[in-house]
Protein backbone atom coordinates (compact mmCIF):
# COMPACT_ATOMS: atom_id res chain seq x y z
CA MET A 1 37.47 77.05 134.71
CA ALA A 2 38.23 73.58 133.54
CA GLU A 3 37.73 74.73 129.95
CA ARG A 4 40.03 77.75 130.50
CA ASP A 5 42.81 75.66 132.05
CA GLN A 6 42.71 73.20 129.21
CA VAL A 7 46.12 72.76 127.52
CA LYS A 8 46.51 74.32 124.12
CA PRO A 9 47.02 71.82 121.31
CA LEU A 10 50.58 71.37 119.90
CA ALA A 11 51.56 72.63 116.49
CA PRO A 12 50.81 70.19 113.69
CA ALA A 13 53.43 67.48 113.24
CA GLY A 14 53.78 68.25 109.58
CA TYR A 15 55.13 71.76 110.33
CA GLN A 16 58.02 70.39 112.42
CA LEU A 17 58.94 67.80 109.77
CA SER A 18 59.05 70.48 107.11
CA SER A 19 61.58 72.52 109.17
CA ASP A 20 63.80 69.41 109.63
CA GLU A 21 63.80 68.72 105.89
CA ASP A 22 64.88 72.32 105.17
CA ASP A 23 67.70 72.10 107.63
CA ALA A 24 68.84 68.81 106.17
CA THR A 25 68.70 70.26 102.65
CA MET A 26 70.70 73.31 103.65
CA LEU A 27 73.32 71.12 105.39
CA SER A 28 73.56 68.93 102.28
CA LYS A 29 74.06 71.93 100.06
CA LYS A 30 76.74 73.31 102.39
CA LEU A 31 78.57 69.98 102.32
CA GLN A 32 78.38 69.80 98.52
CA ARG A 33 79.63 73.34 98.25
CA ARG A 34 82.58 72.56 100.54
CA LYS A 35 83.39 69.47 98.49
CA TYR A 36 83.15 71.50 95.26
CA ILE A 37 85.47 74.22 96.71
CA LYS A 38 87.91 71.58 97.92
CA CYS A 39 87.82 69.80 94.54
CA CYS A 40 88.45 73.09 92.65
CA GLY A 41 91.20 73.94 95.05
CA CYS A 42 92.89 70.61 94.42
CA ILE A 43 92.58 70.94 90.66
CA MET A 44 94.02 74.46 90.74
CA ALA A 45 96.88 73.33 93.01
CA LEU A 46 97.69 70.47 90.60
CA MET A 47 97.55 72.77 87.60
CA LEU A 48 99.77 75.29 89.36
CA ILE A 49 102.31 72.49 90.29
CA GLN A 50 102.25 71.21 86.76
CA ALA A 51 102.77 74.66 85.30
CA VAL A 52 105.68 75.40 87.68
CA THR A 53 107.19 71.98 86.86
CA ILE A 54 106.97 72.59 83.14
CA ILE A 55 108.52 76.04 83.50
CA ILE A 56 111.37 74.64 85.58
CA LEU A 57 111.99 71.81 83.13
CA ALA A 58 111.76 74.25 80.18
CA PHE A 59 114.58 76.37 81.68
CA THR A 60 116.73 73.44 82.86
CA VAL A 61 116.48 69.92 81.46
CA PHE A 62 114.28 70.73 78.45
CA ARG A 63 116.09 74.00 77.52
CA ILE A 64 117.01 73.95 73.86
CA LYS A 65 120.78 73.98 73.63
CA ASP A 66 122.81 74.86 70.50
CA PRO A 67 123.97 71.87 68.43
CA VAL A 68 127.71 72.03 67.89
CA ILE A 69 129.16 71.50 64.40
CA LYS A 70 132.87 70.82 64.14
CA MET A 71 135.25 70.05 61.32
CA ASN A 72 137.62 67.33 62.57
CA GLY A 73 139.84 67.10 59.52
CA VAL A 74 140.09 67.58 55.78
CA GLN A 75 141.67 65.36 53.10
CA VAL A 76 142.44 66.28 49.51
CA GLU A 77 142.01 63.42 47.03
CA GLN A 78 142.58 62.96 43.31
CA LEU A 79 144.86 65.96 43.12
CA GLU A 80 146.78 65.43 39.87
CA LEU A 81 149.66 67.80 39.21
CA ILE A 82 151.47 68.62 35.97
CA ASN A 83 154.77 66.68 35.85
CA GLY A 84 157.52 68.55 37.60
CA THR A 85 155.29 71.38 38.78
CA THR A 86 152.90 72.14 41.61
CA ILE A 87 150.12 73.23 39.24
CA PRO A 88 146.95 71.16 39.19
CA ARG A 89 146.34 69.34 35.91
CA PRO A 90 143.58 71.12 33.99
CA GLY A 91 140.37 69.32 33.19
CA VAL A 92 140.77 66.78 36.03
CA ASN A 93 138.45 67.00 39.00
CA MET A 94 139.84 66.72 42.54
CA THR A 95 137.85 66.23 45.72
CA LEU A 96 138.04 67.53 49.23
CA THR A 97 136.60 65.33 51.95
CA ALA A 98 135.77 66.92 55.25
CA ASP A 99 135.19 64.94 58.45
CA VAL A 100 132.36 66.86 60.14
CA SER A 101 130.76 66.07 63.48
CA VAL A 102 127.39 67.28 64.80
CA LYS A 103 127.07 67.20 68.58
CA ASN A 104 123.54 67.30 70.00
CA PRO A 105 123.52 68.26 73.71
CA ASN A 106 119.72 68.16 73.99
CA VAL A 107 117.53 65.51 75.60
CA ALA A 108 115.75 65.02 72.29
CA SER A 109 117.03 64.11 68.83
CA PHE A 110 118.09 66.79 66.32
CA LYS A 111 116.72 66.08 62.85
CA PHE A 112 118.29 68.02 60.05
CA SER A 113 117.59 68.36 56.32
CA ASN A 114 120.08 68.39 53.45
CA THR A 115 123.50 69.69 54.40
CA THR A 116 125.02 72.18 51.97
CA THR A 117 128.75 72.86 51.81
CA THR A 118 130.21 75.41 49.43
CA LEU A 119 133.96 75.80 48.79
CA TYR A 120 135.49 79.16 47.73
CA TYR A 121 138.80 80.25 46.40
CA ARG A 122 139.39 83.95 46.78
CA GLY A 123 135.67 84.62 46.64
CA THR A 124 134.95 82.34 43.72
CA VAL A 125 132.92 79.15 44.06
CA VAL A 126 135.09 76.22 43.07
CA GLY A 127 133.01 73.34 44.46
CA GLU A 128 129.78 72.40 46.20
CA ALA A 129 128.39 69.37 47.95
CA ARG A 130 124.99 68.29 49.28
CA ASN A 131 124.60 65.59 51.94
CA PRO A 132 121.33 63.76 52.67
CA PRO A 133 119.16 64.41 55.73
CA GLY A 134 120.19 62.84 59.02
CA LYS A 135 119.55 62.66 62.76
CA ALA A 136 121.78 63.26 65.71
CA LYS A 137 120.43 61.32 68.69
CA ALA A 138 119.88 62.88 72.08
CA ARG A 139 123.19 63.72 73.77
CA ARG A 140 125.13 62.03 71.03
CA THR A 141 127.59 63.14 68.35
CA LEU A 142 127.00 62.26 64.70
CA ARG A 143 130.00 62.09 62.38
CA MET A 144 129.75 62.30 58.63
CA ASN A 145 132.00 62.78 55.68
CA ILE A 146 131.21 65.63 53.30
CA THR A 147 132.86 65.29 49.90
CA VAL A 148 133.28 68.43 47.73
CA GLU A 149 134.23 68.09 44.08
CA ILE A 150 136.64 70.77 43.10
CA ILE A 151 136.96 71.87 39.43
CA PRO A 152 140.62 72.80 38.77
CA ASP A 153 139.66 74.88 35.73
CA ARG A 154 137.98 77.38 38.06
CA LEU A 155 141.13 77.57 40.08
CA MET A 156 143.37 78.14 37.09
CA ASN A 157 141.18 80.94 35.81
CA ASN A 158 141.92 82.94 38.92
CA PRO A 159 144.81 85.40 38.37
CA ASN A 160 146.02 84.87 41.98
CA LEU A 161 146.61 81.16 41.53
CA LYS A 162 150.22 81.51 40.24
CA SER A 163 151.42 83.42 43.33
CA ASP A 164 149.63 80.96 45.63
CA VAL A 165 151.17 77.98 43.81
CA ASP A 166 154.60 79.50 44.04
CA SER A 167 154.17 79.72 47.83
CA LYS A 168 153.01 76.06 47.74
CA ILE A 169 150.06 76.97 49.97
CA LEU A 170 146.56 77.15 48.58
CA THR A 171 144.08 78.85 50.91
CA MET A 172 140.42 78.21 50.49
CA SER A 173 137.29 78.85 52.53
CA SER A 174 134.24 76.76 53.08
CA TYR A 175 130.66 77.48 54.20
CA THR A 176 128.47 74.72 55.65
CA ARG A 177 124.82 75.14 56.57
CA ILE A 178 122.70 72.66 58.49
CA GLY A 179 119.01 73.37 59.15
CA GLY A 180 116.93 71.14 61.41
CA ARG A 181 114.53 70.89 64.29
CA VAL A 182 114.65 69.81 67.95
CA LYS A 183 111.36 68.38 69.33
CA ILE A 184 110.84 67.55 73.01
CA MET A 185 107.72 65.54 74.09
CA LYS A 186 105.60 67.00 71.28
CA ILE A 187 105.44 70.16 73.42
CA ILE A 188 108.65 72.11 72.74
CA LYS A 189 109.61 72.54 69.07
CA LYS A 190 112.51 74.63 67.94
CA HIS A 191 113.91 75.21 64.46
CA VAL A 192 117.70 75.39 64.43
CA ILE A 193 120.08 76.60 61.73
CA VAL A 194 123.77 75.95 62.27
CA LYS A 195 126.30 77.72 60.02
CA MET A 196 130.07 77.22 59.91
CA ASN A 197 132.73 79.19 58.06
CA CYS A 198 136.16 77.67 57.77
CA THR A 199 139.47 78.89 56.29
CA ILE A 200 141.68 76.05 55.07
CA SER A 201 145.31 76.23 53.97
CA VAL A 202 146.37 73.26 51.86
CA ASN A 203 150.00 72.38 51.12
CA ILE A 204 149.99 71.60 47.45
CA THR A 205 153.16 69.48 47.58
CA SER A 206 152.23 67.22 50.44
CA GLN A 207 148.41 67.57 49.84
CA ALA A 208 148.06 68.03 53.61
CA ILE A 209 146.15 70.59 55.63
CA GLN A 210 148.56 73.26 56.82
CA GLU A 211 146.07 75.21 58.88
CA GLN A 212 142.33 75.54 59.43
CA LYS A 213 140.23 78.04 61.36
CA CYS A 214 136.46 77.65 61.78
CA LYS A 215 133.76 79.93 63.19
CA ARG A 216 130.20 78.82 63.75
CA SER A 217 126.91 80.53 64.40
CA VAL A 218 123.54 79.16 65.59
CA LYS A 219 120.13 80.65 64.94
CA LEU A 220 117.17 79.39 66.99
């Protein structure tokens, strides 16, 4: 009876230790997984916030706005007339200087290449000018003088010149083209082409501008 009532031996100690190690390993893996999920969640949230911020800035502060080109005034120089008449002296060049401003409303500078200005009289090219490249700083206005050399011989070869001279008003048109690029934080780049067409009426006697009308167009 004493042998039957004898207590059964406990399970080996090694078995219990193995179970504890497994539980600890599983718990460690769960913690690492939670940390990984939290880390991924934080990264995704930051990326989402950054993307939303960039989109908002792109449509507000960093939105590319049209540069504005404006002709402030025109001055005729070296206009030599035949004595007692209002007819330009043949063979002598005269110049037309235009005061042009380029307004840049963007938060980045507007760099432009060579500026081309062509002057027409009744559809015929009578002068052309090229200005060197330049830069309009952010939210600033750049002013520059564009000088066009006019060849009087081309004016005098036009059959309509006599009637225009008799009216003492010489009407010409100009075409100016400025091509450049706006670059914001090396992320947003935009090529911009600004074109301006002007009609100018010059009083031959006073050599003053009687009237001018300008239209501009911008291509992004």
